[in-house]
Structure formats: structure tokens, C-alpha cells
Amino acid sequence: MNRTNCSNDERGLLPYPVILAATKGGPSAMSIVVQHYASYIAYLSTRKVRDEYGHLLRD
């Protein structure tokens, strides 16, 4: 059996059938895609804040 297109890839890629199902509106596939990219989405949704002296503020 060829598992290339339906198993998790060691490179961290989403399987093609999941991507295809997500583009067609499949709720479970969209959930998988969102979970896969959750940390990247969180990283992109934050911004670095600097004080009046230009120092980077941390949480």
C-alpha cells in the first residue's frame, strides 16, 4: 500500500488529501489545518512592542 499521500510526513507537511478536503470545506480537515498551523498563526498575530527608549518589551 502506498502511504505517501495519506500519512503524516516526517517533514511536517500536511497530507494532500487533507488539503484537498479543507479546500472543499470539510470541517474536520479545516480543523486539522488550523491545528497544524496554530503556532505559526500565533507567531504572526503578535507584535513586538518597544518602550520610549527603543527597548524591546517582553511579556
Foldseek 3Di string as FASTA:
>chain_A
DDCQQPDQDPVLDDRPVLVVCVVVPNPVSVVVVCVSCVVVVVVVPDDWDADPVRDTDDD
